[in-house]
Amino acid sequence: MANRYYSASLGQDKTLVAETASTTAGASVEVRITYDATGMTKQEALKLLEQIEYRIVEDTFPPV
């Protein structure tokens, strides 16, 4: 499986989001995308990220 990690820290803009082949210690938010998973496309990845966004919006934050 081929994974890409997207990491961001508080206070940064999109130009500083890291795209790496491994996890980034200390990132405020990190997402792993397995881009060679069956059926995975850029559009599917964006839809899945939207579902995560909705879950955060609709749920208690921070989680307990």
N, C-alpha and C. Protein backbone atom coordinates (compact mmCIF):
# COMPACT_ATOMS: atom_id res chain seq x y z
N MET A 1 0.84 -1.18 0.00
CA MET A 1 0.00 0.00 0.00
C MET A 1 0.88 1.25 0.00
N ALA A 2 0.49 2.20 -0.77
CA ALA A 2 1.22 3.45 -0.86
C ALA A 2 0.46 4.53 -0.10
N ASN A 3 1.09 5.08 0.92
CA ASN A 3 0.46 6.08 1.77
C ASN A 3 1.11 7.44 1.58
N ARG A 4 0.30 8.46 1.68
CA ARG A 4 0.78 9.85 1.74
C ARG A 4 0.17 10.46 2.99
N TYR A 5 0.96 11.24 3.70
CA TYR A 5 0.52 11.89 4.92
C TYR A 5 0.47 13.40 4.67
N TYR A 6 -0.63 14.00 5.08
CA TYR A 6 -0.79 15.45 4.99
C TYR A 6 -0.85 15.97 6.41
N SER A 7 0.05 16.87 6.77
CA SER A 7 0.17 17.36 8.14
C SER A 7 0.09 18.87 8.18
N ALA A 8 -0.59 19.36 9.21
CA ALA A 8 -0.71 20.80 9.41
C ALA A 8 -0.60 21.12 10.89
N SER A 9 -0.13 22.31 11.18
CA SER A 9 -0.03 22.78 12.55
C SER A 9 -0.84 24.06 12.70
N LEU A 10 -1.24 24.32 13.93
CA LEU A 10 -2.04 25.52 14.21
C LEU A 10 -1.34 26.78 13.70
N GLY A 11 -2.12 27.67 13.11
CA GLY A 11 -1.60 28.96 12.69
C GLY A 11 -0.95 29.01 11.32
N GLN A 12 -0.88 27.90 10.62
CA GLN A 12 -0.23 27.94 9.31
C GLN A 12 -1.26 27.97 8.19
N ASP A 13 -0.83 28.42 7.01
CA ASP A 13 -1.74 28.44 5.86
C ASP A 13 -1.45 27.23 4.96
N LYS A 14 -2.21 27.12 3.86
CA LYS A 14 -2.12 25.93 3.01
C LYS A 14 -0.75 25.72 2.38
N THR A 15 0.02 26.79 2.24
CA THR A 15 1.34 26.63 1.62
C THR A 15 2.32 25.87 2.52
N LEU A 16 1.99 25.76 3.81
CA LEU A 16 2.88 25.08 4.75
C LEU A 16 2.40 23.68 5.11
N VAL A 17 1.29 23.22 4.52
CA VAL A 17 0.84 21.85 4.76
C VAL A 17 1.88 20.90 4.16
N ALA A 18 2.33 19.96 4.98
CA ALA A 18 3.36 19.02 4.53
C ALA A 18 2.72 17.80 3.89
N GLU A 19 3.26 17.36 2.77
CA GLU A 19 2.87 16.10 2.14
C GLU A 19 4.12 15.23 2.18
N THR A 20 4.04 14.13 2.96
CA THR A 20 5.22 13.30 3.19
C THR A 20 4.88 11.82 3.03
N ALA A 21 5.92 10.99 3.04
CA ALA A 21 5.74 9.55 2.93
C ALA A 21 5.65 8.87 4.30
N SER A 22 5.84 9.64 5.38
CA SER A 22 5.74 9.07 6.72
C SER A 22 5.11 10.10 7.66
N THR A 23 4.74 9.62 8.82
CA THR A 23 4.08 10.48 9.80
C THR A 23 4.99 11.61 10.26
N THR A 24 4.38 12.71 10.67
CA THR A 24 5.13 13.89 11.13
C THR A 24 4.86 14.12 12.61
N ALA A 25 5.88 13.98 13.43
CA ALA A 25 5.73 14.20 14.87
C ALA A 25 5.40 15.66 15.15
N GLY A 26 4.47 15.89 16.05
CA GLY A 26 4.17 17.25 16.48
C GLY A 26 3.14 17.98 15.65
N ALA A 27 2.61 17.38 14.60
CA ALA A 27 1.59 18.03 13.79
C ALA A 27 0.29 18.12 14.58
N SER A 28 -0.43 19.22 14.43
CA SER A 28 -1.73 19.37 15.11
C SER A 28 -2.78 18.47 14.48
N VAL A 29 -2.72 18.31 13.17
CA VAL A 29 -3.65 17.44 12.43
C VAL A 29 -2.84 16.70 11.37
N GLU A 30 -3.13 15.42 11.25
CA GLU A 30 -2.46 14.62 10.23
C GLU A 30 -3.47 13.64 9.63
N VAL A 31 -3.44 13.51 8.32
CA VAL A 31 -4.33 12.61 7.60
C VAL A 31 -3.48 11.68 6.73
N ARG A 32 -3.78 10.39 6.80
CA ARG A 32 -3.10 9.42 5.93
C ARG A 32 -4.06 9.02 4.83
N ILE A 33 -3.60 9.07 3.59
CA ILE A 33 -4.40 8.63 2.45
C ILE A 33 -3.64 7.50 1.77
N THR A 34 -4.31 6.36 1.64
CA THR A 34 -3.74 5.23 0.91
C THR A 34 -4.21 5.39 -0.53
N TYR A 35 -3.37 6.00 -1.35
CA TYR A 35 -3.81 6.41 -2.67
C TYR A 35 -3.88 5.29 -3.68
N ASP A 36 -3.34 4.11 -3.37
CA ASP A 36 -3.49 3.00 -4.30
C ASP A 36 -4.54 1.99 -3.84
N ALA A 37 -5.38 2.39 -2.87
CA ALA A 37 -6.49 1.53 -2.45
C ALA A 37 -7.49 1.42 -3.60
N THR A 38 -8.12 0.27 -3.71
CA THR A 38 -9.08 0.04 -4.79
C THR A 38 -10.17 1.10 -4.77
N GLY A 39 -10.35 1.78 -5.89
CA GLY A 39 -11.39 2.80 -6.02
C GLY A 39 -11.01 4.19 -5.55
N MET A 40 -9.81 4.35 -4.99
CA MET A 40 -9.42 5.66 -4.46
C MET A 40 -9.06 6.60 -5.61
N THR A 41 -9.72 7.74 -5.62
CA THR A 41 -9.44 8.81 -6.56
C THR A 41 -9.32 10.10 -5.76
N LYS A 42 -8.89 11.15 -6.40
CA LYS A 42 -8.83 12.44 -5.73
C LYS A 42 -10.22 12.84 -5.23
N GLN A 43 -11.23 12.62 -6.07
CA GLN A 43 -12.59 12.98 -5.70
C GLN A 43 -13.07 12.17 -4.49
N GLU A 44 -12.77 10.87 -4.47
CA GLU A 44 -13.15 10.04 -3.32
C GLU A 44 -12.44 10.49 -2.05
N ALA A 45 -11.18 10.83 -2.16
CA ALA A 45 -10.44 11.31 -0.99
C ALA A 45 -11.08 12.58 -0.44
N LEU A 46 -11.48 13.49 -1.33
CA LEU A 46 -12.12 14.73 -0.89
C LEU A 46 -13.47 14.45 -0.24
N LYS A 47 -14.23 13.50 -0.76
CA LYS A 47 -15.51 13.13 -0.15
C LYS A 47 -15.31 12.56 1.24
N LEU A 48 -14.29 11.72 1.40
CA LEU A 48 -14.01 11.14 2.71
C LEU A 48 -13.57 12.21 3.71
N LEU A 49 -12.76 13.16 3.28
CA LEU A 49 -12.36 14.26 4.16
C LEU A 49 -13.57 15.10 4.57
N GLU A 50 -14.51 15.26 3.66
CA GLU A 50 -15.75 15.99 3.97
C GLU A 50 -16.55 15.25 5.04
N GLN A 51 -16.59 13.92 4.96
CA GLN A 51 -17.29 13.14 5.98
C GLN A 51 -16.63 13.30 7.34
N ILE A 52 -15.31 13.36 7.36
CA ILE A 52 -14.60 13.60 8.63
C ILE A 52 -14.95 14.98 9.16
N GLU A 53 -14.97 15.97 8.28
CA GLU A 53 -15.35 17.32 8.69
C GLU A 53 -16.74 17.33 9.32
N TYR A 54 -17.70 16.68 8.68
CA TYR A 54 -19.07 16.64 9.22
C TYR A 54 -19.10 15.98 10.58
N ARG A 55 -18.33 14.93 10.77
CA ARG A 55 -18.30 14.24 12.06
C ARG A 55 -17.78 15.17 13.16
N ILE A 56 -16.75 15.95 12.86
CA ILE A 56 -16.21 16.89 13.84
C ILE A 56 -17.24 17.98 14.14
N VAL A 57 -17.90 18.49 13.11
CA VAL A 57 -18.90 19.56 13.29
C VAL A 57 -20.07 19.06 14.14
N GLU A 58 -20.54 17.86 13.88
CA GLU A 58 -21.74 17.35 14.53
C GLU A 58 -21.50 16.74 15.90
N ASP A 59 -20.26 16.41 16.23
CA ASP A 59 -19.95 15.72 17.47
C ASP A 59 -19.42 16.71 18.50
N THR A 60 -19.27 16.23 19.71
CA THR A 60 -18.65 17.02 20.76
C THR A 60 -17.16 17.18 20.46
N PHE A 61 -16.64 18.38 20.62
CA PHE A 61 -15.22 18.59 20.38
C PHE A 61 -14.65 19.39 21.52
N PRO A 62 -13.57 19.00 22.10
CA PRO A 62 -12.80 17.80 21.78
C PRO A 62 -13.52 16.54 22.26
N PRO A 63 -13.21 15.41 21.63
CA PRO A 63 -13.83 14.15 22.02
C PRO A 63 -13.50 13.81 23.47
N VAL A 64 -14.39 13.12 24.11
CA VAL A 64 -14.14 12.70 25.51
C VAL A 64 -14.08 11.21 25.61
